[in-house]
Amino acid sequence: MAQVDYFRFEKDEKRTCERRYYISSLSNNAELLAEAIRSHWGIENQLNWVLDVQFQEDCSRIRTDNSPENLAVIRQIALNLLNQEKTFNN
């Protein structure tokens, strides 16, 4: 088990701390665990960036019932299909 404290400094110099807990089968090596966590969040951030920039997910005005979740699934399916497309030549 691991506990990681994330500190974020806002533009108005406000500091926030978020504590996250992890369960891992990795050996008791802080550097190895930190690298695994950074790698995981790097992939998450990259996916969220693509969904926001290419699909403008943050601009979506759909906010009621199950619509936001359903549309998020459709966007992820579309992204996966686009990533699998190899026949288009630039």
PDB file of N, CA and C in Angstrom:
ATOM      1  N   MET A   1       0.838  -1.175   0.000  1.00  0.00           N
ATOM      2  CA  MET A   1       0.000   0.000   0.000  1.00  0.00           C
ATOM      3  C   MET A   1       0.883   1.239   0.000  1.00  0.00           C
ATOM      4  N   ALA A   2       0.365   2.277  -0.620  1.00  0.00           N
ATOM      5  CA  ALA A   2       1.115   3.528  -0.682  1.00  0.00           C
ATOM      6  C   ALA A   2       0.158   4.693  -0.523  1.00  0.00           C
ATOM      7  N   GLN A   3       0.671   5.751   0.036  1.00  0.00           N
ATOM      8  CA  GLN A   3      -0.079   7.000   0.170  1.00  0.00           C
ATOM      9  C   GLN A   3       0.737   8.083  -0.524  1.00  0.00           C
ATOM     10  N   VAL A   4       0.079   8.837  -1.403  1.00  0.00           N
ATOM     11  CA  VAL A   4       0.761   9.908  -2.125  1.00  0.00           C
ATOM     12  C   VAL A   4      -0.023  11.197  -1.909  1.00  0.00           C
ATOM     13  N   ASP A   5       0.689  12.239  -1.508  1.00  0.00           N
ATOM     14  CA  ASP A   5       0.076  13.555  -1.352  1.00  0.00           C
ATOM     15  C   ASP A   5       0.417  14.398  -2.575  1.00  0.00           C
ATOM     16  N   TYR A   6      -0.625  14.912  -3.239  1.00  0.00           N
ATOM     17  CA  TYR A   6      -0.457  15.768  -4.405  1.00  0.00           C
ATOM     18  C   TYR A   6      -0.734  17.205  -3.989  1.00  0.00           C
ATOM     19  N   PHE A   7       0.231  18.071  -4.213  1.00  0.00           N
ATOM     20  CA  PHE A   7       0.063  19.482  -3.899  1.00  0.00           C
ATOM     21  C   PHE A   7      -0.085  20.251  -5.205  1.00  0.00           C
ATOM     22  N   ARG A   8      -1.060  21.142  -5.225  1.00  0.00           N
ATOM     23  CA  ARG A   8      -1.305  21.969  -6.408  1.00  0.00           C
ATOM     24  C   ARG A   8      -1.319  23.422  -5.972  1.00  0.00           C
ATOM     25  N   PHE A   9      -0.633  24.244  -6.742  1.00  0.00           N
ATOM     26  CA  PHE A   9      -0.575  25.673  -6.462  1.00  0.00           C
ATOM     27  C   PHE A   9      -1.386  26.400  -7.526  1.00  0.00           C
ATOM     28  N   GLU A  10      -2.429  27.078  -7.103  1.00  0.00           N
ATOM     29  CA  GLU A  10      -3.312  27.802  -8.013  1.00  0.00           C
ATOM     30  C   GLU A  10      -2.679  29.139  -8.397  1.00  0.00           C
ATOM     31  N   LYS A  11      -3.251  29.796  -9.394  1.00  0.00           N
ATOM     32  CA  LYS A  11      -2.734  31.098  -9.822  1.00  0.00           C
ATOM     33  C   LYS A  11      -2.852  32.150  -8.720  1.00  0.00           C
ATOM     34  N   ASP A  12      -3.878  32.024  -7.893  1.00  0.00           N
ATOM     35  CA  ASP A  12      -4.055  32.990  -6.803  1.00  0.00           C
ATOM     36  C   ASP A  12      -3.227  32.606  -5.571  1.00  0.00           C
ATOM     37  N   GLU A  13      -2.241  31.723  -5.776  1.00  0.00           N
ATOM     38  CA  GLU A  13      -1.308  31.270  -4.750  1.00  0.00           C
ATOM     39  C   GLU A  13      -1.966  30.415  -3.672  1.00  0.00           C
ATOM     40  N   LYS A  14      -3.179  29.960  -3.942  1.00  0.00           N
ATOM     41  CA  LYS A  14      -3.837  29.033  -3.030  1.00  0.00           C
ATOM     42  C   LYS A  14      -3.238  27.645  -3.234  1.00  0.00           C
ATOM     43  N   ARG A  15      -2.942  26.953  -2.153  1.00  0.00           N
ATOM     44  CA  ARG A  15      -2.358  25.626  -2.219  1.00  0.00           C
ATOM     45  C   ARG A  15      -3.389  24.598  -1.765  1.00  0.00           C
ATOM     46  N   THR A  16      -3.558  23.551  -2.564  1.00  0.00           N
ATOM     47  CA  THR A  16      -4.461  22.471  -2.182  1.00  0.00           C
ATOM     48  C   THR A  16      -3.673  21.166  -2.139  1.00  0.00           C
ATOM     49  N   CYS A  17      -4.136  20.262  -1.308  1.00  0.00           N
ATOM     50  CA  CYS A  17      -3.499  18.952  -1.179  1.00  0.00           C
ATOM     51  C   CYS A  17      -4.560  17.873  -1.360  1.00  0.00           C
ATOM     52  N   GLU A  18      -4.234  16.908  -2.182  1.00  0.00           N
ATOM     53  CA  GLU A  18      -5.132  15.768  -2.383  1.00  0.00           C
ATOM     54  C   GLU A  18      -4.354  14.511  -2.035  1.00  0.00           C
ATOM     55  N   ARG A  19      -4.915  13.688  -1.186  1.00  0.00           N
ATOM     56  CA  ARG A  19      -4.257  12.453  -0.747  1.00  0.00           C
ATOM     57  C   ARG A  19      -4.875  11.272  -1.478  1.00  0.00           C
ATOM     58  N   ARG A  20      -4.027  10.464  -2.103  1.00  0.00           N
ATOM     59  CA  ARG A  20      -4.487   9.275  -2.825  1.00  0.00           C
ATOM     60  C   ARG A  20      -3.794   8.051  -2.257  1.00  0.00           C
ATOM     61  N   TYR A  21      -4.528   6.949  -2.282  1.00  0.00           N
ATOM     62  CA  TYR A  21      -4.001   5.683  -1.773  1.00  0.00           C
ATOM     63  C   TYR A  21      -3.935   4.682  -2.910  1.00  0.00           C
ATOM     64  N   TYR A  22      -2.892   3.872  -2.913  1.00  0.00           N
ATOM     65  CA  TYR A  22      -2.682   2.871  -3.950  1.00  0.00           C
ATOM     66  C   TYR A  22      -2.395   1.518  -3.317  1.00  0.00           C
ATOM     67  N   ILE A  23      -2.866   0.485  -3.978  1.00  0.00           N
ATOM     68  CA  ILE A  23      -2.537  -0.889  -3.606  1.00  0.00           C
ATOM     69  C   ILE A  23      -1.764  -1.465  -4.770  1.00  0.00           C
ATOM     70  N   SER A  24      -0.609  -2.043  -4.504  1.00  0.00           N
ATOM     71  CA  SER A  24       0.238  -2.532  -5.582  1.00  0.00           C
ATOM     72  C   SER A  24       0.955  -3.804  -5.156  1.00  0.00           C
ATOM     73  N   SER A  25       1.292  -4.604  -6.146  1.00  0.00           N
ATOM     74  CA  SER A  25       2.094  -5.803  -5.881  1.00  0.00           C
ATOM     75  C   SER A  25       3.575  -5.529  -6.133  1.00  0.00           C
ATOM     76  N   LEU A  26       3.925  -4.283  -6.459  1.00  0.00           N
ATOM     77  CA  LEU A  26       5.326  -3.926  -6.670  1.00  0.00           C
ATOM     78  C   LEU A  26       6.099  -4.046  -5.362  1.00  0.00           C
ATOM     79  N   SER A  27       7.395  -4.261  -5.501  1.00  0.00           N
ATOM     80  CA  SER A  27       8.231  -4.356  -4.296  1.00  0.00           C
ATOM     81  C   SER A  27       8.236  -3.023  -3.566  1.00  0.00           C
ATOM     82  N   ASN A  28       8.707  -3.032  -2.352  1.00  0.00           N
ATOM     83  CA  ASN A  28       8.735  -1.831  -1.512  1.00  0.00           C
ATOM     84  C   ASN A  28       9.841  -0.888  -1.996  1.00  0.00           C
ATOM     85  N   ASN A  29       9.591  -0.258  -3.160  1.00  0.00           N
ATOM     86  CA  ASN A  29      10.570   0.625  -3.774  1.00  0.00           C
ATOM     87  C   ASN A  29       9.842   1.903  -4.187  1.00  0.00           C
ATOM     88  N   ALA A  30      10.104   2.993  -3.485  1.00  0.00           N
ATOM     89  CA  ALA A  30       9.374   4.243  -3.702  1.00  0.00           C
ATOM     90  C   ALA A  30       9.579   4.783  -5.113  1.00  0.00           C
ATOM     91  N   GLU A  31      10.789   4.685  -5.647  1.00  0.00           N
ATOM     92  CA  GLU A  31      11.051   5.208  -6.991  1.00  0.00           C
ATOM     93  C   GLU A  31      10.277   4.431  -8.050  1.00  0.00           C
ATOM     94  N   LEU A  32      10.239   3.111  -7.919  1.00  0.00           N
ATOM     95  CA  LEU A  32       9.514   2.260  -8.868  1.00  0.00           C
ATOM     96  C   LEU A  32       8.013   2.543  -8.802  1.00  0.00           C
ATOM     97  N   LEU A  33       7.486   2.666  -7.600  1.00  0.00           N
ATOM     98  CA  LEU A  33       6.061   2.957  -7.430  1.00  0.00           C
ATOM     99  C   LEU A  33       5.723   4.342  -7.983  1.00  0.00           C
ATOM    100  N   ALA A  34       6.565   5.333  -7.715  1.00  0.00           N
ATOM    101  CA  ALA A  34       6.322   6.687  -8.225  1.00  0.00           C
ATOM    102  C   ALA A  34       6.314   6.691  -9.748  1.00  0.00           C
ATOM    103  N   GLU A  35       7.218   5.963 -10.371  1.00  0.00           N
ATOM    104  CA  GLU A  35       7.263   5.884 -11.836  1.00  0.00           C
ATOM    105  C   GLU A  35       5.998   5.230 -12.389  1.00  0.00           C
ATOM    106  N   ALA A  36       5.525   4.177 -11.733  1.00  0.00           N
ATOM    107  CA  ALA A  36       4.298   3.504 -12.170  1.00  0.00           C
ATOM    108  C   ALA A  36       3.095   4.443 -12.057  1.00  0.00           C
ATOM    109  N   ILE A  37       3.030   5.199 -10.983  1.00  0.00           N
ATOM    110  CA  ILE A  37       1.917   6.140 -10.779  1.00  0.00           C
ATOM    111  C   ILE A  37       1.979   7.260 -11.818  1.00  0.00           C
ATOM    112  N   ARG A  38       3.163   7.827 -12.042  1.00  0.00           N
ATOM    113  CA  ARG A  38       3.310   8.886 -13.051  1.00  0.00           C
ATOM    114  C   ARG A  38       2.939   8.374 -14.432  1.00  0.00           C
ATOM    115  N   SER A  39       3.338   7.162 -14.748  1.00  0.00           N
ATOM    116  CA  SER A  39       3.020   6.570 -16.051  1.00  0.00           C
ATOM    117  C   SER A  39       1.516   6.424 -16.219  1.00  0.00           C
ATOM    118  N   HIS A  40       0.852   5.933 -15.178  1.00  0.00           N
ATOM    119  CA  HIS A  40      -0.602   5.765 -15.227  1.00  0.00           C
ATOM    120  C   HIS A  40      -1.292   7.095 -15.462  1.00  0.00           C
ATOM    121  N   TRP A  41      -0.919   8.115 -14.704  1.00  0.00           N
ATOM    122  CA  TRP A  41      -1.578   9.412 -14.835  1.00  0.00           C
ATOM    123  C   TRP A  41      -1.207  10.098 -16.141  1.00  0.00           C
ATOM    124  N   GLY A  42      -0.024   9.814 -16.685  1.00  0.00           N
ATOM    125  CA  GLY A  42       0.346  10.351 -17.987  1.00  0.00           C
ATOM    126  C   GLY A  42      -0.580   9.844 -19.071  1.00  0.00           C
ATOM    127  N   ILE A  43      -0.909   8.554 -19.012  1.00  0.00           N
ATOM    128  CA  ILE A  43      -1.835   7.961 -19.977  1.00  0.00           C
ATOM    129  C   ILE A  43      -3.225   8.561 -19.789  1.00  0.00           C
ATOM    130  N   GLU A  44      -3.671   8.689 -18.554  1.00  0.00           N
ATOM    131  CA  GLU A  44      -4.989   9.282 -18.276  1.00  0.00           C
ATOM    132  C   GLU A  44      -5.063  10.716 -18.796  1.00  0.00           C
ATOM    133  N   ASN A  45      -4.031  11.502 -18.511  1.00  0.00           N
ATOM    134  CA  ASN A  45      -4.030  12.897 -18.937  1.00  0.00           C
ATOM    135  C   ASN A  45      -4.008  13.015 -20.451  1.00  0.00           C
ATOM    136  N   GLN A  46      -3.266  12.134 -21.121  1.00  0.00           N
ATOM    137  CA  GLN A  46      -3.212  12.168 -22.576  1.00  0.00           C
ATOM    138  C   GLN A  46      -4.582  11.842 -23.166  1.00  0.00           C
ATOM    139  N   LEU A  47      -5.257  10.832 -22.628  1.00  0.00           N
ATOM    140  CA  LEU A  47      -6.584  10.478 -23.112  1.00  0.00           C
ATOM    141  C   LEU A  47      -7.549  11.632 -22.897  1.00  0.00           C
ATOM    142  N   ASN A  48      -7.537  12.230 -21.712  1.00  0.00           N
ATOM    143  CA  ASN A  48      -8.438  13.350 -21.428  1.00  0.00           C
ATOM    144  C   ASN A  48      -8.143  14.542 -22.322  1.00  0.00           C
ATOM    145  N   TRP A  49      -6.864  14.781 -22.634  1.00  0.00           N
ATOM    146  CA  TRP A  49      -6.509  15.890 -23.513  1.00  0.00           C
ATOM    147  C   TRP A  49      -7.086  15.659 -24.905  1.00  0.00           C
ATOM    148  N   VAL A  50      -6.938  14.444 -25.433  1.00  0.00           N
ATOM    149  CA  VAL A  50      -7.473  14.136 -26.763  1.00  0.00           C
ATOM    150  C   VAL A  50      -8.984  14.304 -26.777  1.00  0.00           C
ATOM    151  N   LEU A  51      -9.659  13.788 -25.767  1.00  0.00           N
ATOM    152  CA  LEU A  51     -11.118  13.910 -25.726  1.00  0.00           C
ATOM    153  C   LEU A  51     -11.544  15.369 -25.635  1.00  0.00           C
ATOM    154  N   ASP A  52     -10.801  16.173 -24.912  1.00  0.00           N
ATOM    155  CA  ASP A  52     -11.170  17.581 -24.768  1.00  0.00           C
ATOM    156  C   ASP A  52     -10.851  18.371 -26.031  1.00  0.00           C
ATOM    157  N   VAL A  53      -9.656  18.214 -26.567  1.00  0.00           N
ATOM    158  CA  VAL A  53      -9.241  19.019 -27.716  1.00  0.00           C
ATOM    159  C   VAL A  53      -9.927  18.555 -29.000  1.00  0.00           C
ATOM    160  N   GLN A  54      -9.900  17.269 -29.288  1.00  0.00           N
ATOM    161  CA  GLN A  54     -10.433  16.777 -30.550  1.00  0.00           C
ATOM    162  C   GLN A  54     -11.961  16.660 -30.549  1.00  0.00           C
ATOM    163  N   PHE A  55     -12.524  16.267 -29.427  1.00  0.00           N
ATOM    164  CA  PHE A  55     -13.972  16.081 -29.348  1.00  0.00           C
ATOM    165  C   PHE A  55     -14.659  17.209 -28.574  1.00  0.00           C
ATOM    166  N   GLN A  56     -13.878  18.165 -28.085  1.00  0.00           N
ATOM    167  CA  GLN A  56     -14.383  19.312 -27.323  1.00  0.00           C
ATOM    168  C   GLN A  56     -15.344  18.875 -26.210  1.00  0.00           C
ATOM    169  N   GLU A  57     -14.912  17.872 -25.466  1.00  0.00           N
ATOM    170  CA  GLU A  57     -15.746  17.288 -24.415  1.00  0.00           C
ATOM    171  C   GLU A  57     -16.104  18.296 -23.332  1.00  0.00           C
ATOM    172  N   ASP A  58     -15.173  19.171 -22.975  1.00  0.00           N
ATOM    173  CA  ASP A  58     -15.453  20.144 -21.911  1.00  0.00           C
ATOM    174  C   ASP A  58     -16.486  21.186 -22.330  1.00  0.00           C
ATOM    175  N   CYS A  59     -16.675  21.379 -23.631  1.00  0.00           N
ATOM    176  CA  CYS A  59     -17.641  22.371 -24.128  1.00  0.00           C
ATOM    177  C   CYS A  59     -19.055  21.800 -24.223  1.00  0.00           C
ATOM    178  N   SER A  60     -19.199  20.524 -24.005  1.00  0.00           N
ATOM    179  CA  SER A  60     -20.504  19.873 -24.143  1.00  0.00           C
ATOM    180  C   SER A  60     -21.505  20.456 -23.144  1.00  0.00           C
ATOM    181  N   ARG A  61     -22.703  20.740 -23.619  1.00  0.00           N
ATOM    182  CA  ARG A  61     -23.760  21.284 -22.766  1.00  0.00           C
ATOM    183  C   ARG A  61     -24.716  20.188 -22.297  1.00  0.00           C
ATOM    184  N   ILE A  62     -24.407  18.953 -22.617  1.00  0.00           N
ATOM    185  CA  ILE A  62     -25.267  17.829 -22.236  1.00  0.00           C
ATOM    186  C   ILE A  62     -24.980  17.483 -20.779  1.00  0.00           C
ATOM    187  N   ARG A  63     -25.994  17.669 -19.910  1.00  0.00           N
ATOM    188  CA  ARG A  63     -25.756  17.498 -18.478  1.00  0.00           C
ATOM    189  C   ARG A  63     -26.869  16.767 -17.740  1.00  0.00           C
ATOM    190  N   THR A  64     -27.866  16.263 -18.435  1.00  0.00           N
ATOM    191  CA  THR A  64     -28.999  15.671 -17.721  1.00  0.00           C
ATOM    192  C   THR A  64     -29.052  14.155 -17.883  1.00  0.00           C
ATOM    193  N   ASP A  65     -29.622  13.522 -16.878  1.00  0.00           N
ATOM    194  CA  ASP A  65     -29.848  12.069 -16.858  1.00  0.00           C
ATOM    195  C   ASP A  65     -28.557  11.303 -17.171  1.00  0.00           C
ATOM    196  N   ASN A  66     -28.677  10.288 -18.017  1.00  0.00           N
ATOM    197  CA  ASN A  66     -27.521   9.457 -18.366  1.00  0.00           C
ATOM    198  C   ASN A  66     -26.779   9.970 -19.596  1.00  0.00           C
ATOM    199  N   SER A  67     -27.223  11.069 -20.161  1.00  0.00           N
ATOM    200  CA  SER A  67     -26.650  11.581 -21.414  1.00  0.00           C
ATOM    201  C   SER A  67     -25.150  11.840 -21.343  1.00  0.00           C
ATOM    202  N   PRO A  68     -24.609  12.476 -20.291  1.00  0.00           N
ATOM    203  CA  PRO A  68     -23.160  12.719 -20.260  1.00  0.00           C
ATOM    204  C   PRO A  68     -22.344  11.426 -20.297  1.00  0.00           C
ATOM    205  N   GLU A  69     -22.762  10.421 -19.522  1.00  0.00           N
ATOM    206  CA  GLU A  69     -22.040   9.154 -19.505  1.00  0.00           C
ATOM    207  C   GLU A  69     -22.154   8.434 -20.838  1.00  0.00           C
ATOM    208  N   ASN A  70     -23.365   8.439 -21.422  1.00  0.00           N
ATOM    209  CA  ASN A  70     -23.570   7.767 -22.704  1.00  0.00           C
ATOM    210  C   ASN A  70     -22.729   8.402 -23.803  1.00  0.00           C
ATOM    211  N   LEU A  71     -22.704   9.722 -23.840  1.00  0.00           N
ATOM    212  CA  LEU A  71     -21.925  10.407 -24.865  1.00  0.00           C
ATOM    213  C   LEU A  71     -20.421  10.211 -24.638  1.00  0.00           C
ATOM    214  N   ALA A  72     -19.986  10.138 -23.390  1.00  0.00           N
ATOM    215  CA  ALA A  72     -18.576   9.872 -23.098  1.00  0.00           C
ATOM    216  C   ALA A  72     -18.176   8.497 -23.626  1.00  0.00           C
ATOM    217  N   VAL A  73     -19.053   7.505 -23.475  1.00  0.00           N
ATOM    218  CA  VAL A  73     -18.770   6.159 -23.991  1.00  0.00           C
ATOM    219  C   VAL A  73     -18.688   6.196 -25.518  1.00  0.00           C
ATOM    220  N   ILE A  74     -19.611   6.901 -26.154  1.00  0.00           N
ATOM    221  CA  ILE A  74     -19.602   7.013 -27.618  1.00  0.00           C
ATOM    222  C   ILE A  74     -18.313   7.696 -28.094  1.00  0.00           C
ATOM    223  N   ARG A  75     -17.876   8.749 -27.398  1.00  0.00           N
ATOM    224  CA  ARG A  75     -16.630   9.426 -27.770  1.00  0.00           C
ATOM    225  C   ARG A  75     -15.430   8.493 -27.636  1.00  0.00           C
ATOM    226  N   GLN A  76     -15.408   7.708 -26.578  1.00  0.00           N
ATOM    227  CA  GLN A  76     -14.285   6.790 -26.390  1.00  0.00           C
ATOM    228  C   GLN A  76     -14.287   5.690 -27.444  1.00  0.00           C
ATOM    229  N   ILE A  77     -15.461   5.206 -27.813  1.00  0.00           N
ATOM    230  CA  ILE A  77     -15.549   4.220 -28.893  1.00  0.00           C
ATOM    231  C   ILE A  77     -15.037   4.835 -30.191  1.00  0.00           C
ATOM    232  N   ALA A  78     -15.474   6.063 -30.488  1.00  0.00           N
ATOM    233  CA  ALA A  78     -15.025   6.743 -31.707  1.00  0.00           C
ATOM    234  C   ALA A  78     -13.509   6.925 -31.696  1.00  0.00           C
ATOM    235  N   LEU A  79     -12.947   7.323 -30.563  1.00  0.00           N
ATOM    236  CA  LEU A  79     -11.504   7.500 -30.454  1.00  0.00           C
ATOM    237  C   LEU A  79     -10.776   6.181 -30.682  1.00  0.00           C
ATOM    238  N   ASN A  80     -11.277   5.094 -30.100  1.00  0.00           N
ATOM    239  CA  ASN A  80     -10.662   3.784 -30.298  1.00  0.00           C
ATOM    240  C   ASN A  80     -10.714   3.368 -31.760  1.00  0.00           C
ATOM    241  N   LEU A  81     -11.841   3.605 -32.427  1.00  0.00           N
ATOM    242  CA  LEU A  81     -11.964   3.264 -33.846  1.00  0.00           C
ATOM    243  C   LEU A  81     -10.994   4.103 -34.689  1.00  0.00           C
ATOM    244  N   LEU A  82     -10.890   5.393 -34.390  1.00  0.00           N
ATOM    245  CA  LEU A  82      -9.951   6.244 -35.120  1.00  0.00           C
ATOM    246  C   LEU A  82      -8.504   5.807 -34.909  1.00  0.00           C
ATOM    247  N   ASN A  83      -8.171   5.390 -33.705  1.00  0.00           N
ATOM    248  CA  ASN A  83      -6.807   4.927 -33.419  1.00  0.00           C
ATOM    249  C   ASN A  83      -6.484   3.624 -34.138  1.00  0.00           C
ATOM    250  N   GLN A  84      -7.504   2.818 -34.437  1.00  0.00           N
ATOM    251  CA  GLN A  84      -7.295   1.550 -35.141  1.00  0.00           C
ATOM    252  C   GLN A  84      -7.214   1.734 -36.655  1.00  0.00           C
ATOM    253  N   GLU A  85      -7.666   2.868 -37.159  1.00  0.00           N
ATOM    254  CA  GLU A  85      -7.677   3.134 -38.606  1.00  0.00           C
ATOM    255  C   GLU A  85      -6.248   3.308 -39.109  1.00  0.00           C
ATOM    256  N   LYS A  86      -5.826   2.452 -40.030  1.00  0.00           N
ATOM    257  CA  LYS A  86      -4.455   2.502 -40.554  1.00  0.00           C
ATOM    258  C   LYS A  86      -4.417   2.698 -42.066  1.00  0.00           C
ATOM    259  N   THR A  87      -5.564   2.786 -42.749  1.00  0.00           N
ATOM    260  CA  THR A  87      -5.576   2.859 -44.203  1.00  0.00           C
ATOM    261  C   THR A  87      -5.497   4.267 -44.734  1.00  0.00           C
ATOM    262  N   PHE A  88      -5.728   5.287 -43.938  1.00  0.00           N
ATOM    263  CA  PHE A  88      -5.704   6.677 -44.384  1.00  0.00           C
ATOM    264  C   PHE A  88      -4.259   7.113 -44.599  1.00  0.00           C
ATOM    265  N   ASN A  89      -3.971   7.682 -45.755  1.00  0.00           N
ATOM    266  CA  ASN A  89      -2.622   8.188 -46.063  1.00  0.00           C
ATOM    267  C   ASN A  89      -2.641   9.703 -46.055  1.00  0.00           C
ATOM    268  N   ASN A  90      -1.668  10.309 -45.383  1.00  0.00           N
ATOM    269  CA  ASN A  90      -1.577  11.774 -45.356  1.00  0.00           C
ATOM    270  C   ASN A  90      -0.994  12.298 -46.636  1.00  0.00           C
TER     271      ASN A  90
END
